[in-house]
Amino acid sequence: MTRSIVRFMQWRVGPDREPDAEAVTFAMECAVCGARSQPRVDAGDGQQWVFAHAGHNPSHHTYREHITRPYRAVMTRTAR
């Protein structure tokens, strides 16, 4: 015999601020050629990458910033 208990739970989701959470990281991507910097904790590192990349590729003027922010889902209570 198989038995199951099913409950509806309420959850919330938000940035993970636990002490063991992954770090927020920043990376820059060239929108012209797709080259991308390594993800770094300091957003300024990506800006330095842009200056270096633009210096080697003077026609590359547009870039995208990619931010990776860890999130956490937490059960808040049983739904009624």
N, C-alpha and C. Protein backbone atom coordinates (compact mmCIF):
# COMPACT_ATOMS: atom_id res chain seq x y z
N MET A 1 0.84 -1.16 0.00
CA MET A 1 0.00 0.00 0.00
C MET A 1 0.90 1.24 0.00
N THR A 2 0.57 2.21 -0.86
CA THR A 2 1.31 3.46 -0.95
C THR A 2 0.50 4.56 -0.31
N ARG A 3 1.18 5.36 0.46
CA ARG A 3 0.51 6.47 1.14
C ARG A 3 1.18 7.77 0.78
N SER A 4 0.41 8.83 0.58
CA SER A 4 0.97 10.14 0.27
C SER A 4 0.26 11.21 1.07
N ILE A 5 1.02 12.22 1.42
CA ILE A 5 0.44 13.41 2.05
C ILE A 5 0.80 14.59 1.16
N VAL A 6 -0.22 15.30 0.75
CA VAL A 6 0.00 16.45 -0.12
C VAL A 6 -0.51 17.69 0.61
N ARG A 7 0.35 18.70 0.70
CA ARG A 7 -0.05 19.97 1.31
C ARG A 7 0.34 21.10 0.36
N PHE A 8 -0.44 22.14 0.38
CA PHE A 8 -0.08 23.33 -0.36
C PHE A 8 0.67 24.25 0.59
N MET A 9 1.84 24.70 0.14
CA MET A 9 2.68 25.54 0.98
C MET A 9 2.85 26.90 0.31
N GLN A 10 3.04 27.92 1.14
CA GLN A 10 3.37 29.23 0.60
C GLN A 10 4.89 29.39 0.65
N TRP A 11 5.41 29.95 -0.40
CA TRP A 11 6.85 30.14 -0.53
C TRP A 11 7.13 31.59 -0.84
N ARG A 12 8.32 32.01 -0.52
CA ARG A 12 8.79 33.32 -0.98
C ARG A 12 10.16 33.09 -1.60
N VAL A 13 10.50 33.94 -2.53
CA VAL A 13 11.79 33.83 -3.18
C VAL A 13 12.45 35.20 -3.17
N GLY A 14 13.74 35.22 -2.94
CA GLY A 14 14.47 36.48 -2.92
C GLY A 14 15.96 36.24 -2.94
N PRO A 15 16.74 37.30 -3.01
CA PRO A 15 18.19 37.14 -3.03
C PRO A 15 18.66 36.32 -1.83
N ASP A 16 19.62 35.43 -2.08
CA ASP A 16 20.16 34.58 -1.02
C ASP A 16 21.19 35.39 -0.23
N ARG A 17 20.84 35.69 1.01
CA ARG A 17 21.73 36.47 1.88
C ARG A 17 22.28 35.62 3.02
N GLU A 18 22.18 34.31 2.88
CA GLU A 18 22.73 33.41 3.89
C GLU A 18 24.25 33.51 3.89
N PRO A 19 24.89 33.22 5.02
CA PRO A 19 26.36 33.32 5.07
C PRO A 19 27.07 32.43 4.04
N ASP A 20 26.46 31.31 3.66
CA ASP A 20 27.10 30.41 2.71
C ASP A 20 26.62 30.62 1.27
N ALA A 21 25.94 31.73 1.01
CA ALA A 21 25.43 32.00 -0.33
C ALA A 21 26.57 32.24 -1.31
N GLU A 22 26.35 31.89 -2.55
CA GLU A 22 27.31 32.20 -3.60
C GLU A 22 27.42 33.72 -3.73
N ALA A 23 28.54 34.19 -4.19
CA ALA A 23 28.75 35.62 -4.38
C ALA A 23 28.00 36.11 -5.62
N VAL A 24 27.59 37.37 -5.60
CA VAL A 24 27.06 38.02 -6.79
C VAL A 24 28.26 38.28 -7.70
N THR A 25 28.13 37.94 -8.98
CA THR A 25 29.23 38.15 -9.91
C THR A 25 28.79 39.00 -11.10
N PHE A 26 29.78 39.64 -11.70
CA PHE A 26 29.56 40.54 -12.83
C PHE A 26 30.48 40.13 -13.97
N ALA A 27 29.96 40.14 -15.19
CA ALA A 27 30.77 39.88 -16.37
C ALA A 27 30.30 40.81 -17.48
N MET A 28 31.21 41.16 -18.36
CA MET A 28 30.87 42.02 -19.49
C MET A 28 31.00 41.21 -20.77
N GLU A 29 30.14 41.51 -21.73
CA GLU A 29 30.14 40.83 -23.02
C GLU A 29 30.13 41.86 -24.13
N CYS A 30 30.96 41.66 -25.13
CA CYS A 30 30.97 42.53 -26.30
C CYS A 30 29.77 42.15 -27.17
N ALA A 31 28.91 43.12 -27.46
CA ALA A 31 27.74 42.85 -28.28
C ALA A 31 28.09 42.70 -29.75
N VAL A 32 29.30 43.07 -30.14
CA VAL A 32 29.72 42.98 -31.53
C VAL A 32 30.24 41.58 -31.85
N CYS A 33 31.18 41.08 -31.02
CA CYS A 33 31.82 39.79 -31.35
C CYS A 33 31.49 38.67 -30.37
N GLY A 34 30.84 38.99 -29.25
CA GLY A 34 30.45 37.96 -28.30
C GLY A 34 31.52 37.59 -27.29
N ALA A 35 32.70 38.22 -27.37
CA ALA A 35 33.75 37.94 -26.38
C ALA A 35 33.22 38.36 -25.00
N ARG A 36 33.68 37.66 -23.97
CA ARG A 36 33.12 37.89 -22.63
C ARG A 36 34.23 37.83 -21.58
N SER A 37 34.13 38.72 -20.61
CA SER A 37 35.08 38.70 -19.50
C SER A 37 34.75 37.55 -18.56
N GLN A 38 35.69 37.22 -17.70
CA GLN A 38 35.44 36.22 -16.66
C GLN A 38 34.53 36.83 -15.60
N PRO A 39 33.63 36.05 -14.99
CA PRO A 39 32.80 36.59 -13.91
C PRO A 39 33.68 36.99 -12.72
N ARG A 40 33.42 38.16 -12.17
CA ARG A 40 34.18 38.68 -11.03
C ARG A 40 33.22 39.24 -10.00
N VAL A 41 33.68 39.28 -8.78
CA VAL A 41 32.87 39.83 -7.67
C VAL A 41 32.84 41.36 -7.74
N ASP A 42 33.89 41.96 -8.25
CA ASP A 42 33.98 43.42 -8.35
C ASP A 42 33.54 43.85 -9.75
N ALA A 43 32.47 44.65 -9.84
CA ALA A 43 31.95 45.09 -11.13
C ALA A 43 32.98 45.91 -11.89
N GLY A 44 33.88 46.59 -11.20
CA GLY A 44 34.90 47.39 -11.85
C GLY A 44 35.85 46.57 -12.69
N ASP A 45 36.04 45.30 -12.36
CA ASP A 45 36.91 44.43 -13.16
C ASP A 45 36.37 44.28 -14.58
N GLY A 46 35.05 44.20 -14.71
CA GLY A 46 34.43 44.09 -16.03
C GLY A 46 34.62 45.36 -16.84
N GLN A 47 34.57 46.50 -16.17
CA GLN A 47 34.78 47.76 -16.88
C GLN A 47 36.21 47.84 -17.40
N GLN A 48 37.16 47.36 -16.63
CA GLN A 48 38.54 47.33 -17.10
C GLN A 48 38.68 46.42 -18.31
N TRP A 49 37.95 45.31 -18.30
CA TRP A 49 37.97 44.41 -19.45
C TRP A 49 37.46 45.13 -20.69
N VAL A 50 36.38 45.92 -20.54
CA VAL A 50 35.82 46.66 -21.67
C VAL A 50 36.88 47.60 -22.26
N PHE A 51 37.59 48.33 -21.39
CA PHE A 51 38.61 49.25 -21.89
C PHE A 51 39.69 48.50 -22.67
N ALA A 52 40.13 47.37 -22.16
CA ALA A 52 41.15 46.58 -22.85
C ALA A 52 40.61 46.03 -24.17
N HIS A 53 39.38 45.51 -24.16
CA HIS A 53 38.79 44.93 -25.38
C HIS A 53 38.58 46.02 -26.43
N ALA A 54 38.06 47.17 -26.02
CA ALA A 54 37.84 48.27 -26.96
C ALA A 54 39.16 48.79 -27.51
N GLY A 55 40.19 48.76 -26.68
CA GLY A 55 41.51 49.19 -27.15
C GLY A 55 42.05 48.29 -28.25
N HIS A 56 41.76 47.00 -28.16
CA HIS A 56 42.22 46.06 -29.19
C HIS A 56 41.24 45.98 -30.37
N ASN A 57 40.02 46.45 -30.16
CA ASN A 57 38.97 46.39 -31.19
C ASN A 57 38.26 47.74 -31.25
N PRO A 58 38.85 48.74 -31.88
CA PRO A 58 38.32 50.11 -31.83
C PRO A 58 36.90 50.28 -32.38
N SER A 59 36.41 49.33 -33.18
CA SER A 59 35.06 49.46 -33.71
C SER A 59 34.00 48.80 -32.81
N HIS A 60 34.41 48.22 -31.69
CA HIS A 60 33.47 47.56 -30.78
C HIS A 60 33.06 48.55 -29.70
N HIS A 61 31.83 49.08 -29.83
CA HIS A 61 31.36 50.14 -28.94
C HIS A 61 30.25 49.72 -27.99
N THR A 62 29.63 48.57 -28.21
CA THR A 62 28.48 48.19 -27.38
C THR A 62 28.77 46.92 -26.58
N TYR A 63 28.34 46.96 -25.33
CA TYR A 63 28.62 45.88 -24.38
C TYR A 63 27.40 45.58 -23.54
N ARG A 64 27.35 44.37 -22.99
CA ARG A 64 26.27 43.95 -22.08
C ARG A 64 26.90 43.55 -20.75
N GLU A 65 26.23 43.91 -19.68
CA GLU A 65 26.67 43.46 -18.36
C GLU A 65 25.80 42.27 -17.96
N HIS A 66 26.43 41.21 -17.50
CA HIS A 66 25.72 40.03 -17.01
C HIS A 66 25.96 39.94 -15.51
N ILE A 67 24.88 39.96 -14.77
CA ILE A 67 24.97 39.87 -13.31
C ILE A 67 24.35 38.54 -12.89
N THR A 68 25.09 37.78 -12.10
CA THR A 68 24.58 36.52 -11.56
C THR A 68 24.36 36.73 -10.07
N ARG A 69 23.09 36.66 -9.66
CA ARG A 69 22.70 36.90 -8.28
C ARG A 69 21.99 35.65 -7.77
N PRO A 70 22.55 34.99 -6.77
CA PRO A 70 21.90 33.78 -6.26
C PRO A 70 20.60 34.10 -5.53
N TYR A 71 19.60 33.26 -5.75
CA TYR A 71 18.30 33.42 -5.08
C TYR A 71 18.01 32.18 -4.25
N ARG A 72 17.12 32.35 -3.30
CA ARG A 72 16.76 31.25 -2.40
C ARG A 72 15.23 31.22 -2.25
N ALA A 73 14.65 30.02 -2.31
CA ALA A 73 13.22 29.83 -2.07
C ALA A 73 13.06 29.31 -0.65
N VAL A 74 12.14 29.94 0.08
CA VAL A 74 11.92 29.59 1.48
C VAL A 74 10.44 29.36 1.72
N MET A 75 10.11 28.24 2.37
CA MET A 75 8.73 27.97 2.73
C MET A 75 8.35 28.88 3.90
N THR A 76 7.25 29.63 3.75
CA THR A 76 6.87 30.54 4.82
C THR A 76 5.79 29.98 5.72
N ARG A 77 4.83 29.27 5.17
CA ARG A 77 3.79 28.63 5.99
C ARG A 77 2.89 27.78 5.11
N THR A 78 2.05 27.01 5.75
CA THR A 78 1.09 26.17 5.05
C THR A 78 -0.03 27.05 4.53
N ALA A 79 -0.40 26.88 3.26
CA ALA A 79 -1.51 27.61 2.68
C ALA A 79 -2.80 26.99 3.19
N ARG A 80 -3.80 27.79 3.25
CA ARG A 80 -5.11 27.30 3.70
C ARG A 80 -6.04 27.06 2.58
